[in-house]
Amino acid sequence: MGEYIAVLLPSIGVGLIFWFTMRALFRADRGERRAQEAVNRDQADAEKWYQDLKARQSGGRGSARSGSDEHQDAPRS
């Protein structure tokens, strides 16, 4: 009986190492996907905020704007 255990023990050990490694990889991937989703949400919120800000700044000036005015940092009075 001890011979069978001695023969199977290395395979069981390698199998457990493989299982723990794969589990760690899948958990890390899941965490990375969650973090990427959070970044994408934040980026979409920032883009929406920027578009709203741009619309508010150009709201009272009419629609005759030149292309060079789009990249101006400070709002005009």
N, C-alpha and C. Protein backbone atom coordinates (compact mmCIF):
# COMPACT_ATOMS: atom_id res chain seq x y z
N MET A 1 0.83 -1.19 0.00
CA MET A 1 0.00 0.00 0.00
C MET A 1 0.87 1.25 0.00
N GLY A 2 1.97 1.23 0.77
CA GLY A 2 2.87 2.37 0.83
C GLY A 2 3.52 2.66 -0.51
N GLU A 3 3.69 1.63 -1.32
CA GLU A 3 4.29 1.82 -2.65
C GLU A 3 3.38 2.65 -3.54
N TYR A 4 2.08 2.41 -3.45
CA TYR A 4 1.13 3.16 -4.27
C TYR A 4 1.12 4.64 -3.87
N ILE A 5 1.19 4.89 -2.58
CA ILE A 5 1.23 6.28 -2.10
C ILE A 5 2.51 6.96 -2.56
N ALA A 6 3.62 6.25 -2.49
CA ALA A 6 4.90 6.81 -2.92
C ALA A 6 4.89 7.11 -4.41
N VAL A 7 4.19 6.32 -5.18
CA VAL A 7 4.12 6.53 -6.62
C VAL A 7 3.18 7.70 -6.95
N LEU A 8 2.07 7.81 -6.24
CA LEU A 8 1.07 8.84 -6.54
C LEU A 8 1.38 10.20 -5.92
N LEU A 9 2.15 10.23 -4.86
CA LEU A 9 2.41 11.47 -4.14
C LEU A 9 3.05 12.56 -5.01
N PRO A 10 4.07 12.29 -5.82
CA PRO A 10 4.62 13.36 -6.68
C PRO A 10 3.59 13.94 -7.66
N SER A 11 2.77 13.07 -8.24
CA SER A 11 1.75 13.56 -9.18
C SER A 11 0.72 14.41 -8.46
N ILE A 12 0.32 14.01 -7.28
CA ILE A 12 -0.63 14.79 -6.49
C ILE A 12 -0.02 16.13 -6.11
N GLY A 13 1.24 16.13 -5.74
CA GLY A 13 1.92 17.38 -5.38
C GLY A 13 1.99 18.34 -6.55
N VAL A 14 2.38 17.83 -7.72
CA VAL A 14 2.44 18.68 -8.92
C VAL A 14 1.04 19.18 -9.28
N GLY A 15 0.05 18.32 -9.15
CA GLY A 15 -1.33 18.74 -9.43
C GLY A 15 -1.79 19.85 -8.51
N LEU A 16 -1.45 19.75 -7.24
CA LEU A 16 -1.83 20.80 -6.28
C LEU A 16 -1.11 22.12 -6.59
N ILE A 17 0.18 22.03 -6.92
CA ILE A 17 0.92 23.25 -7.28
C ILE A 17 0.28 23.91 -8.51
N PHE A 18 -0.05 23.09 -9.50
CA PHE A 18 -0.71 23.61 -10.70
C PHE A 18 -2.05 24.25 -10.35
N TRP A 19 -2.83 23.60 -9.50
CA TRP A 19 -4.15 24.12 -9.13
C TRP A 19 -4.03 25.46 -8.41
N PHE A 20 -3.09 25.57 -7.44
CA PHE A 20 -2.92 26.83 -6.72
C PHE A 20 -2.44 27.94 -7.66
N THR A 21 -1.55 27.59 -8.58
CA THR A 21 -1.05 28.59 -9.53
C THR A 21 -2.18 29.10 -10.43
N MET A 22 -2.97 28.20 -10.96
CA MET A 22 -4.07 28.61 -11.84
C MET A 22 -5.11 29.42 -11.06
N ARG A 23 -5.38 29.04 -9.83
CA ARG A 23 -6.33 29.79 -9.01
C ARG A 23 -5.84 31.21 -8.79
N ALA A 24 -4.54 31.36 -8.51
CA ALA A 24 -3.98 32.69 -8.31
C ALA A 24 -4.05 33.52 -9.59
N LEU A 25 -3.78 32.90 -10.72
CA LEU A 25 -3.86 33.62 -11.99
C LEU A 25 -5.28 34.08 -12.29
N PHE A 26 -6.25 33.21 -12.08
CA PHE A 26 -7.64 33.59 -12.35
C PHE A 26 -8.12 34.68 -11.40
N ARG A 27 -7.71 34.61 -10.16
CA ARG A 27 -8.10 35.67 -9.21
C ARG A 27 -7.46 37.00 -9.58
N ALA A 28 -6.20 36.96 -9.99
CA ALA A 28 -5.53 38.20 -10.40
C ALA A 28 -6.20 38.78 -11.64
N ASP A 29 -6.57 37.94 -12.59
CA ASP A 29 -7.25 38.40 -13.79
C ASP A 29 -8.59 39.03 -13.46
N ARG A 30 -9.33 38.42 -12.55
CA ARG A 30 -10.62 38.96 -12.13
C ARG A 30 -10.43 40.33 -11.49
N GLY A 31 -9.42 40.46 -10.64
CA GLY A 31 -9.15 41.75 -10.01
C GLY A 31 -8.74 42.81 -11.02
N GLU A 32 -7.94 42.40 -12.01
CA GLU A 32 -7.52 43.34 -13.04
C GLU A 32 -8.71 43.81 -13.88
N ARG A 33 -9.62 42.90 -14.18
CA ARG A 33 -10.81 43.29 -14.94
C ARG A 33 -11.68 44.26 -14.16
N ARG A 34 -11.82 44.04 -12.87
CA ARG A 34 -12.60 44.97 -12.03
C ARG A 34 -11.94 46.35 -12.00
N ALA A 35 -10.62 46.37 -11.87
CA ALA A 35 -9.90 47.65 -11.85
C ALA A 35 -10.04 48.36 -13.19
N GLN A 36 -9.96 47.63 -14.29
CA GLN A 36 -10.10 48.24 -15.61
C GLN A 36 -11.50 48.79 -15.81
N GLU A 37 -12.52 48.09 -15.33
CA GLU A 37 -13.89 48.60 -15.42
C GLU A 37 -14.04 49.90 -14.64
N ALA A 38 -13.41 49.97 -13.47
CA ALA A 38 -13.47 51.20 -12.66
C ALA A 38 -12.78 52.35 -13.39
N VAL A 39 -11.64 52.08 -14.01
CA VAL A 39 -10.94 53.11 -14.76
C VAL A 39 -11.79 53.58 -15.94
N ASN A 40 -12.41 52.65 -16.64
CA ASN A 40 -13.26 53.02 -17.77
C ASN A 40 -14.45 53.86 -17.33
N ARG A 41 -15.05 53.51 -16.18
CA ARG A 41 -16.16 54.31 -15.66
C ARG A 41 -15.68 55.72 -15.31
N ASP A 42 -14.54 55.82 -14.64
CA ASP A 42 -14.01 57.13 -14.27
C ASP A 42 -13.68 57.95 -15.50
N GLN A 43 -13.13 57.30 -16.52
CA GLN A 43 -12.79 58.00 -17.74
C GLN A 43 -14.05 58.51 -18.45
N ALA A 44 -15.09 57.70 -18.46
CA ALA A 44 -16.35 58.13 -19.07
C ALA A 44 -16.96 59.29 -18.29
N ASP A 45 -16.87 59.25 -16.96
CA ASP A 45 -17.37 60.35 -16.15
C ASP A 45 -16.58 61.63 -16.42
N ALA A 46 -15.27 61.50 -16.55
CA ALA A 46 -14.43 62.67 -16.82
C ALA A 46 -14.75 63.25 -18.20
N GLU A 47 -14.96 62.38 -19.18
CA GLU A 47 -15.30 62.85 -20.52
C GLU A 47 -16.65 63.57 -20.51
N LYS A 48 -17.62 63.03 -19.80
CA LYS A 48 -18.94 63.67 -19.70
C LYS A 48 -18.81 65.02 -19.00
N TRP A 49 -18.02 65.08 -17.94
CA TRP A 49 -17.81 66.33 -17.23
C TRP A 49 -17.18 67.37 -18.15
N TYR A 50 -16.18 66.94 -18.93
CA TYR A 50 -15.51 67.87 -19.84
C TYR A 50 -16.46 68.37 -20.91
N GLN A 51 -17.27 67.48 -21.47
CA GLN A 51 -18.23 67.90 -22.49
C GLN A 51 -19.26 68.87 -21.90
N ASP A 52 -19.73 68.62 -20.69
CA ASP A 52 -20.66 69.54 -20.02
C ASP A 52 -20.01 70.89 -19.78
N LEU A 53 -18.76 70.88 -19.34
CA LEU A 53 -18.04 72.12 -19.10
C LEU A 53 -17.87 72.90 -20.39
N LYS A 54 -17.50 72.22 -21.45
CA LYS A 54 -17.34 72.87 -22.74
C LYS A 54 -18.65 73.48 -23.21
N ALA A 55 -19.75 72.76 -23.01
CA ALA A 55 -21.06 73.26 -23.42
C ALA A 55 -21.46 74.48 -22.60
N ARG A 56 -21.17 74.47 -21.30
CA ARG A 56 -21.49 75.62 -20.46
C ARG A 56 -20.65 76.84 -20.84
N GLN A 57 -19.39 76.63 -21.15
CA GLN A 57 -18.52 77.75 -21.49
C GLN A 57 -18.89 78.37 -22.82
N SER A 58 -19.36 77.56 -23.75
CA SER A 58 -19.72 78.10 -25.06
C SER A 58 -21.20 78.44 -25.15
N GLY A 59 -21.95 78.28 -24.09
CA GLY A 59 -23.40 78.47 -24.11
C GLY A 59 -23.85 79.86 -24.49
N GLY A 60 -23.28 80.92 -23.96
CA GLY A 60 -23.78 82.27 -24.20
C GLY A 60 -23.09 82.99 -25.32
N ARG A 61 -22.20 82.39 -26.05
CA ARG A 61 -21.41 83.08 -27.05
C ARG A 61 -21.87 82.86 -28.48
N GLY A 62 -22.87 82.07 -28.68
CA GLY A 62 -23.29 81.78 -30.05
C GLY A 62 -22.49 80.62 -30.61
N SER A 63 -22.76 80.30 -31.86
CA SER A 63 -22.11 79.13 -32.44
C SER A 63 -20.97 79.49 -33.37
N ALA A 64 -20.61 80.75 -33.50
CA ALA A 64 -19.54 81.15 -34.41
C ALA A 64 -18.21 81.11 -33.67
N ARG A 65 -17.66 79.94 -33.53
CA ARG A 65 -16.37 79.76 -32.88
C ARG A 65 -15.38 79.23 -33.89
N SER A 66 -14.16 79.70 -33.78
CA SER A 66 -13.13 79.16 -34.67
C SER A 66 -12.52 77.93 -34.03
N GLY A 67 -11.83 77.13 -34.82
CA GLY A 67 -11.25 75.89 -34.33
C GLY A 67 -10.17 76.11 -33.29
N SER A 68 -9.48 77.25 -33.33
CA SER A 68 -8.41 77.49 -32.37
C SER A 68 -8.94 77.82 -30.98
N ASP A 69 -10.20 78.23 -30.87
CA ASP A 69 -10.77 78.56 -29.56
C ASP A 69 -11.07 77.31 -28.73
N GLU A 70 -11.14 76.16 -29.35
CA GLU A 70 -11.52 74.94 -28.63
C GLU A 70 -10.50 74.55 -27.57
N HIS A 71 -9.25 74.85 -27.80
CA HIS A 71 -8.19 74.38 -26.91
C HIS A 71 -7.74 75.44 -25.91
N GLN A 72 -8.55 76.45 -25.70
CA GLN A 72 -8.20 77.51 -24.77
C GLN A 72 -8.44 77.04 -23.35
N ASP A 73 -7.47 77.26 -22.45
CA ASP A 73 -7.57 76.77 -21.08
C ASP A 73 -8.46 77.63 -20.21
N ALA A 74 -8.31 78.93 -20.25
CA ALA A 74 -9.05 79.81 -19.36
C ALA A 74 -10.37 80.23 -20.01
N PRO A 75 -11.45 80.27 -19.23
CA PRO A 75 -12.73 80.72 -19.79
C PRO A 75 -12.70 82.22 -20.05
N ARG A 76 -13.40 82.64 -21.10
CA ARG A 76 -13.46 84.07 -21.42
C ARG A 76 -14.61 84.72 -20.67
N SER A 77 -14.49 86.01 -20.41
CA SER A 77 -15.55 86.75 -19.70
C SER A 77 -16.48 87.42 -20.68
